[in-house]
Every structure is written in structure tokens, then in C-alpha cells.
Amino acid sequence: MSLPWTSSRGKSNSFERFIANKFPDFEHWKTHFSFETHALPLAIGSACSAISMSVSMNAFQRVALIARISSASNFGPVLGLGSTMMASVCAGQAMLFASDFSLSRGGGKVHNTTSSGSFVSAGLNQISGSNSSPHISYSGSSNSTWRRTKRRKTGTLETAWDEDETVFDAALGSVLFFFASRGSFSKAMPSDVAEIGANAVKSIKANGSNYASEPQKAVLRTFMRKYGCHHCGKKSLKVIGDHMPPNKVAFGSAANAAASRGANVSMYQKFMNFIRFVPKQRFWPQCESCALLQSVAVRDNVRKLITHSGHAKIALGIGFLIGLRHFYPLKDDSSSVENMGRPGPKSKKLKVL
């Protein structure tokens, strides 16, 4: 009879091994990584993965622009999550395809299907002590160039689609993007110039409809140098204190906003602002071009969305990490059984077809 905590401990160990199979084995890297053999495939694959992630997210942002979905809309975070997941999948596949089309493949994570399902499923069968022997096919040996060429001509890639790895890429990329974007997926969407922008990070309290003072501009200038415009993400020397919500929206009209500006505001105007439930406003750093576009949008009561590159650095970094996860350096004798997959300290060897 097995004790309940023994069963939970076994599940915990299986989960730890499952997660360990998803990330590079640094001890293996330290032992088997060869600069002459693996540096170029690693650099090309990681670059393809990073660029694919950035280009995909930019494409999804333009789709949202056409669909008129901004970072401030209710559906924005949901679409941002979806675009991040799909871009992460594209990044992982870009690394695998880069390995596929390399005539001298010196390394790369084994990502092929097996007779018992995906490679990860085979690993799970090993962890659970299954008696079934997973078989894996890999064409990394020196005499496999003709097979690789033949597969290309027939349109078949070496790296088959693996649902487990694809789902993990989507989850990993989304989690990394969420934390890198300070807990939001809205950064993946375009900005609405009449709302708080997708690149918004820090702001300061505004004094009603009054414009930003010089001390306030000095603080906003530091925000601009560090984070850029909260709408487009561009960094400029001149900064504008952007009221959010805009004065016309907060006070109901430009006339009410003008009447509430200055030190000598009448008691009647203060009372009217109170019964209108005028919201508390804050200053956000804004560039001149976004300020001009915002003035037109608020005046004409139209929605104007703009794309931005605030997600570019994050996407490049995440794409690089996802590509790195799929790269597994092999020994020169890549047909050796010891080089296949991610063999753990107690895992069984995979039988090569």
C-alpha cells in the first residue's frame, strides 16, 4: 500500500523531470559545446528565432490596428495574449527550420516524432517507467546529407510538428512577455491617442486642467528619457505633460476645462465639476507628434490608433531565449545513442532507428 505523500512525491519528481526536459542541460552544454561546430548554427538559429518573434508581433499589432483594437480596449489584453502566444510559436519553429535548412547541421535539439507520439511523450513514458521503447529518427550523421536533400525535394522537413513543444513555447513566451511588460499584455497592441498609451510606465499627479509646470516637466523629462512617449514609445528632448483623461473628456467640454484652469476658479465652477464627477487626472510623458494627433482626435471625437515599437526589444529577447531552448549541442559523432535527446542522469537511452 502506497502512502499518499509517497504518491505526491512521485508526481512532483515526474513534473520536475518534465520541466527539466524543456530547458537546456547546462552541464551537457559545458561538456559538449564546440565553438567551431556549434557557434554558427546557434547564432543563425537564435537570430532567426528573435527576428521571427519581433516581426510576428509587429504583424499582429498591425492586424489589431486594422481591427481598431487598442491597448486600452477591453479586448486588447486578450488579443495581446493571443498574439504573444502565436509569435512565440513562430520563434520556436524558426529556430527548428533554421536547423533543418542548414546543410552542415552541427547541433540542435531533437524535435522529431517517435513511434509512441511526440518526443516529450516518449520522455514522459520513460519517467513513468513504461516498458515501451521509444524510437527516434535523426539525420544528423555524416552520411545523411542525401536523405536531407531528398526530404527537402519532397517538401518534408526533418523537424516534425510537436504539439507538446509548441504549447510550451506559447506558454513560456507569454509568461516572459507578461513579466517583461510589467504585468500586462496591452504592450503588444497599438495605442489609442485619447487613452493611456501601450508604453505607459510612470506618471505624476496633475493639478486639474492646469498645464504642467516646469518642475513637473522636469520629472516628466526623466520619464521620457527612460521610457519614451507613453503612446509611441519614442524618446525626445521635448516633453509634453499629457492629461489623462484629456481635459475635454474629463470636464465635458473645452470651455469647462478652460473655466477650471488657473488659481481663481469660481465656486460655481468647482461645484459643477463636483456634480459632474470630474475624474482625477495624471500627467504622462508625451511627444509633440502624438500630442498633435491627440488634439485632432479629441476635437473631432474620433479614434486614432498608432503602432509602436515598444515591444521590439522584449520580443527580440524572448525570441532569442526560445530559440536557445531548442538548441542542444551534440558530439561530433552525432549518431551515438548518448547524444540523442536530453538524457537525464537516470533516464533511459533512446533507440535510434
Protein backbone atom coordinates (compact mmCIF):
# COMPACT_ATOMS: atom_id res chain seq x y z
CA MET A 1 0.00 0.00 0.00
CA SER A 2 1.47 3.34 -1.03
CA LEU A 3 1.23 6.26 1.28
CA PRO A 4 -0.46 9.42 -0.08
CA TRP A 5 2.63 11.59 0.38
CA THR A 6 4.72 8.98 -1.46
CA SER A 7 2.42 9.25 -4.48
CA SER A 8 2.53 13.06 -4.43
CA ARG A 9 6.32 12.96 -4.15
CA GLY A 10 6.50 10.72 -7.23
CA LYS A 11 4.28 13.12 -9.17
CA SER A 12 6.45 16.02 -8.06
CA ASN A 13 9.61 14.27 -9.27
CA SER A 14 7.93 13.48 -12.60
CA PHE A 15 6.92 17.11 -13.01
CA GLU A 16 10.43 18.29 -12.18
CA ARG A 17 11.89 15.93 -14.76
CA PHE A 18 9.28 17.02 -17.29
CA ILE A 19 10.24 20.69 -16.77
CA ALA A 20 13.95 19.85 -16.81
CA ASN A 21 13.47 18.28 -20.24
CA LYS A 22 12.15 21.60 -21.53
CA PHE A 23 15.29 23.63 -20.81
CA PRO A 24 18.95 23.26 -21.81
CA ASP A 25 21.16 20.96 -19.78
CA PHE A 26 23.96 23.36 -18.89
CA GLU A 27 26.28 20.55 -17.82
CA HIS A 28 25.84 18.98 -21.24
CA TRP A 29 26.46 22.34 -22.89
CA LYS A 30 29.62 22.85 -20.88
CA THR A 31 30.92 19.41 -21.83
CA HIS A 32 29.90 19.09 -25.49
CA PHE A 33 29.61 22.63 -26.86
CA SER A 34 32.23 23.22 -29.53
CA PHE A 35 32.72 26.75 -30.81
CA GLU A 36 33.83 25.62 -34.28
CA THR A 37 30.94 23.19 -34.67
CA HIS A 38 28.04 24.84 -32.89
CA ALA A 39 28.66 28.62 -32.80
CA LEU A 40 27.44 29.37 -36.33
CA PRO A 41 24.26 27.19 -36.21
CA LEU A 42 23.46 28.63 -32.78
CA ALA A 43 23.94 32.23 -33.94
CA ILE A 44 21.91 31.78 -37.13
CA GLY A 45 19.10 29.89 -35.41
CA SER A 46 18.84 32.30 -32.47
CA ALA A 47 18.85 35.29 -34.82
CA CYS A 48 16.07 33.73 -36.91
CA SER A 49 14.08 32.99 -33.76
CA ALA A 50 14.46 36.52 -32.35
CA ILE A 51 13.64 38.22 -35.65
CA SER A 52 10.66 35.93 -36.19
CA MET A 53 9.26 36.80 -32.76
CA SER A 54 9.63 40.56 -33.35
CA VAL A 55 8.25 40.50 -36.91
CA SER A 56 5.30 38.33 -35.87
CA MET A 57 4.33 40.63 -33.01
CA ASN A 58 4.61 43.66 -35.30
CA ALA A 59 2.35 41.92 -37.83
CA PHE A 60 -0.25 41.08 -35.16
CA GLN A 61 -0.14 44.69 -33.97
CA ARG A 62 -0.99 45.88 -37.47
CA VAL A 63 -3.85 43.38 -37.62
CA ALA A 64 -5.17 44.91 -34.40
CA LEU A 65 -4.76 48.36 -35.96
CA ILE A 66 -6.96 47.33 -38.89
CA ALA A 67 -9.48 45.75 -36.48
CA ARG A 68 -9.49 49.01 -34.43
CA ILE A 69 -8.46 47.22 -31.22
CA SER A 70 -6.15 49.24 -28.96
CA SER A 71 -4.28 48.57 -25.74
CA ALA A 72 -6.99 50.48 -23.85
CA SER A 73 -9.91 48.46 -25.21
CA ASN A 74 -11.46 45.62 -23.23
CA PHE A 75 -10.38 43.06 -25.80
CA GLY A 76 -6.84 44.45 -26.02
CA PRO A 77 -5.19 42.27 -23.33
CA VAL A 78 -6.88 39.14 -24.71
CA LEU A 79 -5.66 39.80 -28.26
CA GLY A 80 -2.26 40.76 -26.82
CA LEU A 81 -2.02 37.37 -25.12
CA GLY A 82 -3.04 35.58 -28.30
CA SER A 83 -0.51 37.47 -30.43
CA THR A 84 2.26 36.78 -27.91
CA MET A 85 1.49 33.06 -27.89
CA MET A 86 1.43 32.80 -31.69
CA ALA A 87 4.62 34.86 -32.03
CA SER A 88 6.34 32.57 -29.51
CA VAL A 89 5.35 29.53 -31.54
CA CYS A 90 6.73 31.19 -34.68
CA ALA A 91 10.00 31.89 -32.84
CA GLY A 92 10.42 28.26 -31.84
CA GLN A 93 9.61 26.98 -35.31
CA ALA A 94 12.03 29.49 -36.87
CA MET A 95 14.88 28.00 -34.81
CA LEU A 96 13.91 24.47 -35.88
CA PHE A 97 13.55 25.41 -39.55
CA ALA A 98 16.95 27.14 -39.44
CA SER A 99 18.42 23.84 -38.28
CA ASP A 100 16.52 21.96 -40.97
CA PHE A 101 17.87 24.04 -43.83
CA SER A 102 21.46 24.03 -42.58
CA LEU A 103 23.46 21.68 -44.81
CA SER A 104 26.02 21.09 -42.04
CA ARG A 105 23.82 20.80 -39.00
CA GLY A 106 26.24 20.75 -36.09
CA GLY A 107 23.71 20.77 -33.32
CA GLY A 108 20.14 21.35 -32.40
CA LYS A 109 17.56 19.95 -30.10
CA VAL A 110 15.97 16.74 -31.30
CA HIS A 111 12.39 17.66 -32.15
CA ASN A 112 11.12 14.72 -34.14
CA THR A 113 8.14 12.47 -33.69
CA THR A 114 8.52 9.00 -32.24
CA SER A 115 6.67 5.75 -32.59
CA SER A 116 4.93 6.47 -29.27
CA GLY A 117 3.93 10.02 -30.12
CA SER A 118 5.95 13.19 -29.63
CA PHE A 119 9.44 13.30 -28.17
CA VAL A 120 8.10 14.77 -24.95
CA SER A 121 5.54 11.99 -24.70
CA ALA A 122 8.37 9.48 -25.07
CA GLY A 123 10.22 11.27 -22.29
CA LEU A 124 7.16 11.08 -20.08
CA ASN A 125 6.89 7.35 -20.79
CA GLN A 126 10.47 6.96 -19.64
CA ILE A 127 9.78 8.93 -16.48
CA SER A 128 6.73 6.85 -15.64
CA GLY A 129 8.73 3.64 -16.16
CA SER A 130 6.85 2.48 -19.23
CA ASN A 131 8.20 -0.66 -20.86
CA SER A 132 7.56 0.66 -24.35
CA SER A 133 10.76 1.57 -26.16
CA PRO A 134 10.54 4.95 -27.87
CA HIS A 135 12.24 5.19 -31.23
CA ILE A 136 13.53 8.43 -32.63
CA SER A 137 14.73 9.25 -36.10
CA TYR A 138 17.50 11.79 -36.53
CA SER A 139 19.51 12.57 -39.63
CA GLY A 140 22.49 14.24 -38.03
CA SER A 141 25.07 11.61 -39.04
CA SER A 142 27.72 12.30 -41.66
CA ASN A 143 26.09 10.04 -44.29
CA SER A 144 22.64 11.61 -44.06
CA THR A 145 23.11 14.54 -46.44
CA TRP A 146 21.40 12.71 -49.28
CA ARG A 147 18.41 11.93 -47.05
CA ARG A 148 18.16 15.58 -46.01
CA THR A 149 18.29 16.67 -49.65
CA LYS A 150 15.65 14.11 -50.59
CA ARG A 151 13.33 15.30 -47.83
CA ARG A 152 13.69 18.90 -48.97
CA LYS A 153 12.82 17.96 -52.54
CA THR A 154 9.69 16.15 -51.38
CA GLY A 155 8.75 19.05 -49.13
CA THR A 156 9.28 17.12 -45.89
CA LEU A 157 11.15 18.79 -43.05
CA GLU A 158 13.29 16.92 -40.55
CA THR A 159 11.64 18.55 -37.57
CA ALA A 160 8.07 17.34 -37.34
CA TRP A 161 5.37 19.39 -35.63
CA ASP A 162 5.36 18.59 -31.91
CA GLU A 163 2.26 19.72 -30.02
CA ASP A 164 3.88 19.47 -26.58
CA GLU A 165 6.85 21.64 -27.51
CA THR A 166 4.66 24.12 -29.39
CA VAL A 167 2.32 24.58 -26.44
CA PHE A 168 5.28 25.03 -24.12
CA ASP A 169 6.79 27.67 -26.42
CA ALA A 170 3.49 29.59 -26.38
CA ALA A 171 3.23 29.39 -22.59
CA LEU A 172 6.87 30.29 -21.97
CA GLY A 173 6.82 33.27 -24.33
CA SER A 174 3.60 34.60 -22.81
CA VAL A 175 4.90 34.35 -19.25
CA LEU A 176 8.18 36.07 -20.15
CA PHE A 177 6.37 38.83 -22.04
CA PHE A 178 3.93 39.34 -19.16
CA PHE A 179 6.70 39.92 -16.63
CA ALA A 180 8.90 41.93 -19.01
CA SER A 181 5.91 44.22 -19.75
CA ARG A 182 5.29 44.79 -16.02
CA GLY A 183 2.26 42.56 -15.78
CA SER A 184 0.30 43.36 -18.93
CA PHE A 185 -0.24 42.11 -22.47
CA SER A 186 -1.51 45.51 -23.64
CA LYS A 187 2.01 46.46 -24.74
CA ALA A 188 1.53 44.16 -27.73
CA MET A 189 -1.40 46.26 -29.02
CA PRO A 190 -1.45 49.68 -30.74
CA SER A 191 -2.08 52.83 -28.71
CA ASP A 192 -5.20 54.98 -28.73
CA VAL A 193 -4.01 58.60 -28.51
CA ALA A 194 -7.10 59.57 -26.48
CA GLU A 195 -6.33 56.92 -23.84
CA ILE A 196 -3.36 55.88 -21.75
CA GLY A 197 -0.81 54.50 -24.21
CA ALA A 198 0.57 51.00 -24.52
CA ASN A 199 4.03 52.19 -23.39
CA ALA A 200 2.79 53.88 -20.22
CA VAL A 201 5.02 53.19 -17.23
CA LYS A 202 5.15 56.16 -14.83
CA SER A 203 3.09 59.32 -14.35
CA ILE A 204 2.63 62.17 -11.88
CA LYS A 205 -0.43 63.85 -10.40
CA ALA A 206 -1.96 66.69 -12.44
CA ASN A 207 -3.41 69.88 -10.96
CA GLY A 208 -6.81 69.77 -12.61
CA SER A 209 -6.87 71.22 -16.10
CA ASN A 210 -3.75 73.32 -15.49
CA TYR A 211 -0.81 72.66 -17.74
CA ALA A 212 2.35 71.04 -16.40
CA SER A 213 4.67 73.38 -14.54
CA GLU A 214 8.42 73.47 -15.05
CA PRO A 215 9.17 71.26 -12.02
CA GLN A 216 6.59 68.78 -13.27
CA LYS A 217 8.08 68.87 -16.77
CA ALA A 218 11.50 68.13 -15.28
CA VAL A 219 10.12 64.94 -13.74
CA LEU A 220 8.31 64.02 -16.95
CA ARG A 221 11.52 64.64 -18.89
CA THR A 222 13.27 61.93 -16.87
CA PHE A 223 10.41 59.57 -17.67
CA MET A 224 10.67 60.47 -21.35
CA ARG A 225 14.42 59.75 -21.45
CA LYS A 226 13.97 56.40 -19.71
CA TYR A 227 10.67 55.06 -21.06
CA GLY A 228 9.74 57.26 -24.03
CA CYS A 229 6.34 58.63 -25.06
CA HIS A 230 3.55 56.64 -23.47
CA HIS A 231 1.81 56.35 -26.84
CA CYS A 232 4.51 55.71 -29.47
CA GLY A 233 7.50 54.89 -27.28
CA LYS A 234 9.80 57.41 -28.98
CA LYS A 235 12.29 59.29 -26.82
CA SER A 236 12.62 63.02 -27.48
CA LEU A 237 14.21 66.01 -25.79
CA LYS A 238 10.97 67.97 -25.61
CA VAL A 239 8.26 66.54 -23.39
CA ILE A 240 4.59 67.45 -23.04
CA GLY A 241 2.57 66.71 -19.93
CA ASP A 242 -0.35 64.76 -21.33
CA HIS A 243 -3.54 64.97 -19.26
CA MET A 244 -5.20 61.59 -18.85
CA PRO A 245 -8.11 61.61 -19.28
CA PRO A 246 -7.85 64.58 -21.71
CA ASN A 247 -9.34 67.83 -20.41
CA LYS A 248 -12.25 67.84 -22.83
CA VAL A 249 -13.17 64.28 -21.85
CA ALA A 250 -12.70 64.86 -18.12
CA PHE A 251 -14.59 68.18 -17.89
CA GLY A 252 -17.20 67.53 -20.59
CA SER A 253 -16.08 70.33 -22.91
CA ALA A 254 -13.11 72.53 -23.71
CA ALA A 255 -14.96 75.53 -22.25
CA ASN A 256 -15.45 73.82 -18.89
CA ALA A 257 -11.79 72.80 -18.87
CA ALA A 258 -10.71 76.40 -19.59
CA ALA A 259 -13.02 77.73 -16.88
CA SER A 260 -11.45 75.33 -14.38
CA ARG A 261 -7.90 76.42 -15.24
CA GLY A 262 -5.91 78.87 -13.14
CA ALA A 263 -5.84 79.89 -9.48
CA ASN A 264 -9.10 81.88 -9.46
CA VAL A 265 -11.69 79.21 -10.19
CA SER A 266 -15.21 80.24 -9.16
CA MET A 267 -17.13 78.33 -6.50
CA TYR A 268 -19.86 77.70 -9.05
CA GLN A 269 -17.37 76.03 -11.40
CA LYS A 270 -15.96 73.92 -8.56
CA PHE A 271 -19.50 72.84 -7.65
CA MET A 272 -20.29 71.93 -11.27
CA ASN A 273 -17.09 69.91 -11.51
CA PHE A 274 -18.11 68.09 -8.34
CA ILE A 275 -21.55 67.09 -9.61
CA ARG A 276 -20.04 66.09 -12.98
CA PHE A 277 -17.78 63.64 -11.15
CA VAL A 278 -14.67 65.02 -12.86
CA PRO A 279 -12.05 62.28 -12.52
CA LYS A 280 -8.60 62.77 -11.05
CA GLN A 281 -6.14 63.42 -13.85
CA ARG A 282 -2.47 62.50 -14.19
CA PHE A 283 0.38 63.69 -16.41
CA TRP A 284 2.05 61.19 -18.73
CA PRO A 285 5.15 61.93 -20.88
CA GLN A 286 4.16 62.59 -24.48
CA CYS A 287 5.95 63.65 -27.68
CA GLU A 288 4.83 66.51 -29.94
CA SER A 289 3.60 64.35 -32.83
CA CYS A 290 1.32 62.29 -30.55
CA ALA A 291 0.09 65.49 -28.87
CA LEU A 292 -0.94 66.96 -32.25
CA LEU A 293 -2.65 63.74 -33.24
CA GLN A 294 -4.44 63.62 -29.90
CA SER A 295 -5.75 67.17 -30.21
CA VAL A 296 -7.36 66.31 -33.55
CA ALA A 297 -8.83 63.05 -32.21
CA VAL A 298 -10.34 64.71 -29.12
CA ARG A 299 -11.60 67.74 -31.04
CA ASP A 300 -13.31 65.67 -33.75
CA ASN A 301 -14.31 62.89 -31.35
CA VAL A 302 -12.70 60.16 -33.47
CA ARG A 303 -10.48 57.22 -32.57
CA LYS A 304 -6.90 57.41 -33.80
CA LEU A 305 -4.66 54.41 -33.22
CA ILE A 306 -0.92 54.33 -33.77
CA THR A 307 1.57 51.47 -33.88
CA HIS A 308 4.69 51.49 -31.78
CA SER A 309 7.93 49.58 -31.29
CA GLY A 310 7.79 49.43 -27.51
CA HIS A 311 7.59 45.64 -27.64
CA ALA A 312 10.51 45.20 -30.05
CA LYS A 313 13.33 44.75 -27.53
CA ILE A 314 11.20 42.46 -25.38
CA ALA A 315 10.22 40.36 -28.40
CA LEU A 316 13.82 40.04 -29.59
CA GLY A 317 14.98 38.91 -26.17
CA ILE A 318 12.18 36.38 -25.72
CA GLY A 319 12.63 35.05 -29.25
CA PHE A 320 16.33 34.54 -28.59
CA LEU A 321 15.62 32.61 -25.38
CA ILE A 322 13.03 30.41 -27.06
CA GLY A 323 15.46 29.64 -29.86
CA LEU A 324 18.19 28.86 -27.34
CA ARG A 325 15.85 26.40 -25.64
CA HIS A 326 15.61 24.38 -28.86
CA PHE A 327 19.35 24.17 -29.41
CA TYR A 328 21.10 21.13 -27.95
CA PRO A 329 24.80 20.69 -28.86
CA LEU A 330 25.76 17.21 -29.99
CA LYS A 331 29.11 15.47 -30.07
CA ASP A 332 30.96 15.13 -33.34
CA ASP A 333 29.72 11.54 -33.52
CA SER A 334 26.07 12.61 -33.57
CA SER A 335 24.90 9.13 -34.46
CA SER A 336 25.87 7.94 -31.00
CA VAL A 337 22.97 6.96 -28.78
CA GLU A 338 24.38 9.06 -25.92
CA ASN A 339 23.89 12.22 -27.97
CA MET A 340 20.19 11.83 -28.64
CA GLY A 341 17.60 13.97 -26.90
CA ARG A 342 18.04 15.27 -23.39
CA PRO A 343 19.17 12.25 -21.39
CA GLY A 344 18.93 12.94 -17.70
CA PRO A 345 21.07 11.34 -15.01
CA LYS A 346 18.63 8.43 -14.63
CA SER A 347 16.78 8.45 -17.94
CA LYS A 348 16.89 5.59 -20.39
CA LYS A 349 18.69 5.84 -23.71
CA LEU A 350 16.70 6.27 -26.87
CA LYS A 351 16.98 3.63 -29.53
CA VAL A 352 17.90 5.03 -32.92
CA LEU A 353 16.07 3.77 -35.97
